[in-house]
């Protein structure tokens, strides 16, 4: 990992498109393992549109790395429903402006700080559709943090610092019919009717997906995962 003069964050990411590849989970585990450096903490970002499989891959990586990695999802920075109502954004929950982006960037800075004994991150609970603060402990000895979410490569507003705080970012790009099927199924699992699930996936989620897809050229790796 190349660091800047402060020693606590990576150098600015290179510009231009990263490599494209088809990969297995096992191959990606080995690539993630290569980000672990003695005496340093690396942060790997996994991004892609809604339904791309980010959470599934991130969980698999952390499990395979067996104590050498911690999972810190971006979704813990959802704004609370009461705040979304106040802002008039409740019907767009999940959109780029319905998160505390600056708070997420601040957490990444803390995760890079070698003086932090333990950093506590929030988690998003889908069963109540709300974030819960202080739910994920990341002790200082954990050498790799895996963070996943839609907007890691967005370069405006509070999201702009995020890319520079990540050592590597992978963009998941499954076939579109597969992604949409997953998304509809997920909405159904969390209580939406088939009609509501499809309307959300092809409406609000699709607008978010279009924004995320436009950021893929900032990734180090664009990957289609072999199931």
Protein backbone atom coordinates (compact mmCIF):
# COMPACT_ATOMS: atom_id res chain seq x y z
CA UNK A 1 0.00 0.00 0.00
CA UNK A 2 1.39 3.39 -0.96
CA UNK A 3 0.73 6.07 1.67
CA UNK A 4 0.85 9.85 1.55
CA UNK A 5 2.97 11.99 3.85
CA UNK A 6 0.58 11.61 6.78
CA UNK A 7 1.05 7.84 6.78
CA UNK A 8 -2.58 7.12 7.63
CA UNK A 9 -4.24 6.94 4.25
CA UNK A 10 -3.43 5.58 0.80
CA UNK A 11 -2.20 7.78 -1.99
CA UNK A 12 -4.82 9.13 -4.39
CA UNK A 13 -6.21 6.34 -6.55
CA UNK A 14 -5.07 6.08 -10.12
CA UNK A 15 -7.41 7.44 -12.75
CA UNK A 16 -8.96 5.31 -15.47
CA UNK A 17 -10.67 1.98 -15.75
CA UNK A 18 -9.45 -0.98 -13.72
CA UNK A 19 -9.20 -4.47 -15.10
CA UNK A 20 -12.28 -6.58 -15.93
CA UNK A 21 -12.35 -10.24 -15.04
CA UNK A 22 -14.52 -13.24 -14.27
CA UNK A 23 -13.54 -14.68 -10.90
CA UNK A 24 -14.47 -17.20 -8.25
CA UNK A 25 -14.88 -16.36 -4.59
CA UNK A 26 -11.70 -18.33 -3.85
CA UNK A 27 -9.71 -16.19 -6.30
CA UNK A 28 -11.07 -13.00 -4.76
CA UNK A 29 -10.22 -14.24 -1.27
CA UNK A 30 -6.58 -14.55 -2.36
CA UNK A 31 -6.63 -11.06 -3.85
CA UNK A 32 -8.08 -9.70 -0.60
CA UNK A 33 -5.43 -11.58 1.38
CA UNK A 34 -2.81 -9.71 -0.63
CA UNK A 35 -4.04 -6.43 0.87
CA UNK A 36 -3.00 -7.54 4.36
CA UNK A 37 0.27 -5.90 5.40
CA UNK A 38 2.09 -6.41 8.71
CA UNK A 39 1.63 -3.44 11.01
CA UNK A 40 -0.87 -1.67 8.73
CA UNK A 41 -4.60 -1.71 8.20
CA UNK A 42 -5.98 -2.04 4.70
CA UNK A 43 -9.51 -1.17 3.64
CA UNK A 44 -11.14 -2.98 0.72
CA UNK A 45 -14.30 -1.54 -0.83
CA UNK A 46 -16.87 -3.61 -2.69
CA UNK A 47 -19.42 -1.71 -4.72
CA UNK A 48 -21.93 -2.16 -7.53
CA UNK A 49 -25.62 -1.49 -8.15
CA UNK A 50 -28.39 -2.75 -5.84
CA UNK A 51 -28.66 -6.54 -6.08
CA UNK A 52 -25.11 -7.02 -7.41
CA UNK A 53 -24.18 -9.38 -4.57
CA UNK A 54 -21.98 -7.02 -2.54
CA UNK A 55 -23.08 -8.20 0.90
CA UNK A 56 -22.81 -11.87 -0.02
CA UNK A 57 -19.27 -11.50 -1.35
CA UNK A 58 -18.14 -9.31 1.54
CA UNK A 59 -19.44 -11.81 4.09
CA UNK A 60 -17.73 -14.67 2.25
CA UNK A 61 -14.39 -12.83 2.18
CA UNK A 62 -14.49 -12.00 5.89
CA UNK A 63 -15.43 -15.58 6.79
CA UNK A 64 -12.61 -17.01 4.64
CA UNK A 65 -10.03 -14.63 6.10
CA UNK A 66 -10.92 -16.02 9.53
CA UNK A 67 -10.18 -13.24 11.99
CA UNK A 68 -7.94 -11.19 9.71
CA UNK A 69 -10.84 -9.08 8.40
CA UNK A 70 -13.88 -7.23 9.72
CA UNK A 71 -17.01 -6.26 7.78
CA UNK A 72 -18.24 -2.66 7.98
CA UNK A 73 -21.20 -2.07 5.61
CA UNK A 74 -21.94 1.41 4.28
CA UNK A 75 -25.65 0.77 4.98
CA UNK A 76 -25.14 1.59 8.66
CA UNK A 77 -25.12 5.23 7.57
CA UNK A 78 -28.72 5.28 6.35
CA UNK A 79 -30.45 8.33 7.76
CA UNK A 80 -33.14 7.41 10.29
CA UNK A 81 -36.70 7.24 8.98
CA UNK A 82 -37.75 10.23 11.06
CA UNK A 83 -35.03 12.34 9.41
CA UNK A 84 -35.97 11.09 5.94
CA UNK A 85 -39.55 12.12 6.63
CA UNK A 86 -38.41 15.57 7.74
CA UNK A 87 -36.36 15.94 4.55
CA UNK A 88 -39.15 14.62 2.33
CA UNK A 89 -37.00 11.69 1.12
CA UNK A 90 -38.70 8.73 2.80
CA UNK A 91 -40.06 7.42 -0.51
CA UNK A 92 -36.51 7.43 -1.95
CA UNK A 93 -34.80 5.58 0.89
CA UNK A 94 -31.56 4.11 -0.44
CA UNK A 95 -30.86 7.00 -2.82
CA UNK A 96 -27.47 8.69 -2.71
CA UNK A 97 -28.77 11.63 -0.62
CA UNK A 98 -30.43 9.45 2.05
CA UNK A 99 -27.15 8.55 3.81
CA UNK A 100 -24.78 10.35 6.14
CA UNK A 101 -21.93 10.29 3.63
CA UNK A 102 -19.69 12.58 5.68
CA UNK A 103 -20.18 10.34 8.71
CA UNK A 104 -19.16 7.31 6.67
CA UNK A 105 -16.00 9.05 5.46
CA UNK A 106 -15.21 10.05 9.05
CA UNK A 107 -15.52 6.42 10.15
CA UNK A 108 -13.12 5.31 7.39
CA UNK A 109 -10.59 7.87 8.65
CA UNK A 110 -10.90 6.48 12.17
CA UNK A 111 -10.43 2.95 10.83
CA UNK A 112 -7.15 4.09 9.25
CA UNK A 113 -5.91 5.69 12.48
CA UNK A 114 -3.40 3.34 14.19
CA UNK A 115 -4.01 5.09 17.51
CA UNK A 116 -7.63 3.89 17.71
CA UNK A 117 -7.90 0.98 20.13
CA UNK A 118 -11.35 -0.10 18.89
CA UNK A 119 -13.64 1.61 16.41
CA UNK A 120 -17.39 0.97 16.68
CA UNK A 121 -19.39 1.07 13.44
CA UNK A 122 -23.18 1.19 12.94
CA UNK A 123 -25.24 -1.54 11.29
CA UNK A 124 -28.50 -1.34 9.31
CA UNK A 125 -31.22 -3.72 10.50
CA UNK A 126 -33.56 -4.57 7.65
CA UNK A 127 -36.15 -6.07 9.98
CA UNK A 128 -36.78 -2.60 11.45
CA UNK A 129 -35.45 -0.56 8.48
CA UNK A 130 -33.27 1.53 10.80
CA UNK A 131 -29.53 1.93 11.56
CA UNK A 132 -28.19 0.91 14.99
CA UNK A 133 -25.14 2.78 16.29
CA UNK A 134 -22.12 1.12 17.91
CA UNK A 135 -23.02 -2.39 16.74
CA UNK A 136 -19.79 -3.52 15.02
CA UNK A 137 -16.52 -3.49 16.97
CA UNK A 138 -13.31 -3.29 14.94
CA UNK A 139 -10.32 -3.89 17.25
CA UNK A 140 -6.96 -2.37 16.37
CA UNK A 141 -5.33 -5.76 15.66
CA UNK A 142 -7.66 -6.57 12.72
CA UNK A 143 -5.50 -5.91 9.61
CA UNK A 144 -8.20 -5.64 6.93
CA UNK A 145 -11.59 -3.97 6.85
CA UNK A 146 -14.04 -4.93 4.11
CA UNK A 147 -16.68 -2.29 3.46
CA UNK A 148 -19.46 -2.60 0.92
CA UNK A 149 -22.16 -0.33 -0.46
CA UNK A 150 -23.58 1.33 -3.52
CA UNK A 151 -21.85 4.70 -3.46
CA UNK A 152 -18.19 4.09 -2.67
CA UNK A 153 -17.05 5.55 -6.00
CA UNK A 154 -19.36 8.57 -6.14
CA UNK A 155 -17.15 11.65 -6.46
CA UNK A 156 -19.41 14.46 -5.28
CA UNK A 157 -20.59 15.92 -1.99
CA UNK A 158 -19.85 14.01 1.19
CA UNK A 159 -18.96 10.92 -0.84
CA UNK A 160 -15.98 12.53 -2.59
CA UNK A 161 -13.34 11.63 0.07
CA UNK A 162 -14.37 7.97 0.27
CA UNK A 163 -12.42 6.65 -2.73
CA UNK A 164 -9.18 8.09 -1.42
CA UNK A 165 -9.64 6.29 1.91
CA UNK A 166 -9.86 2.83 0.31
CA UNK A 167 -6.84 0.80 -0.75
CA UNK A 168 -8.74 -1.04 -3.47
CA UNK A 169 -12.32 -1.01 -4.78
CA UNK A 170 -14.02 -3.83 -6.65
CA UNK A 171 -17.13 -3.22 -8.75
CA UNK A 172 -19.48 -6.20 -9.05
CA UNK A 173 -21.22 -6.45 -12.41
CA UNK A 174 -23.55 -9.47 -12.67
CA UNK A 175 -25.83 -10.00 -15.68
CA UNK A 176 -28.72 -7.54 -15.47
CA UNK A 177 -31.53 -10.16 -15.39
CA UNK A 178 -29.78 -11.92 -12.49
CA UNK A 179 -29.37 -8.66 -10.57
CA UNK A 180 -33.00 -7.66 -11.01
CA UNK A 181 -34.29 -11.09 -10.03
CA UNK A 182 -32.22 -10.99 -6.82
CA UNK A 183 -33.49 -7.52 -6.03
CA UNK A 184 -37.16 -8.35 -6.47
CA UNK A 185 -36.73 -11.50 -4.37
CA UNK A 186 -35.00 -9.54 -1.61
CA UNK A 187 -37.79 -6.97 -1.43
CA UNK A 188 -40.33 -9.78 -1.19
CA UNK A 189 -38.36 -11.39 1.65
CA UNK A 190 -38.60 -8.16 3.61
CA UNK A 191 -42.35 -7.84 3.32
CA UNK A 192 -43.21 -6.22 0.00
CA UNK A 193 -45.84 -7.78 -2.23
CA UNK A 194 -44.61 -9.10 -5.62
CA UNK A 195 -46.06 -6.02 -7.29
CA UNK A 196 -44.47 -3.62 -4.79
CA UNK A 197 -41.15 -5.44 -4.98
CA UNK A 198 -41.04 -5.20 -8.76
CA UNK A 199 -42.09 -1.54 -8.76
CA UNK A 200 -39.33 -0.65 -6.27
CA UNK A 201 -36.65 -2.67 -8.09
CA UNK A 202 -37.50 -1.20 -11.50
CA UNK A 203 -38.18 2.30 -10.13
CA UNK A 204 -36.20 3.81 -7.25
CA UNK A 205 -33.59 1.02 -7.24
CA UNK A 206 -33.03 1.32 -10.98
CA UNK A 207 -32.36 5.06 -10.72
CA UNK A 208 -29.80 4.31 -8.03
CA UNK A 209 -28.30 1.54 -10.19
CA UNK A 210 -27.86 3.92 -13.12
CA UNK A 211 -25.94 6.37 -10.91
CA UNK A 212 -23.74 3.61 -9.48
CA UNK A 213 -23.01 2.09 -12.88
CA UNK A 214 -21.64 5.44 -14.04
CA UNK A 215 -18.92 5.20 -11.36
CA UNK A 216 -17.45 1.85 -12.43
CA UNK A 217 -14.49 3.40 -14.27
CA UNK A 218 -13.07 4.49 -10.89
CA UNK A 219 -12.79 0.88 -9.67
CA UNK A 220 -9.58 -1.14 -9.54
CA UNK A 221 -11.42 -4.28 -10.61
CA UNK A 222 -14.72 -4.83 -12.41
CA UNK A 223 -15.72 -8.42 -11.73
CA UNK A 224 -18.41 -10.86 -12.78
CA UNK A 225 -18.53 -13.44 -10.05
CA UNK A 226 -18.74 -17.11 -10.92
CA UNK A 227 -21.52 -18.50 -8.69
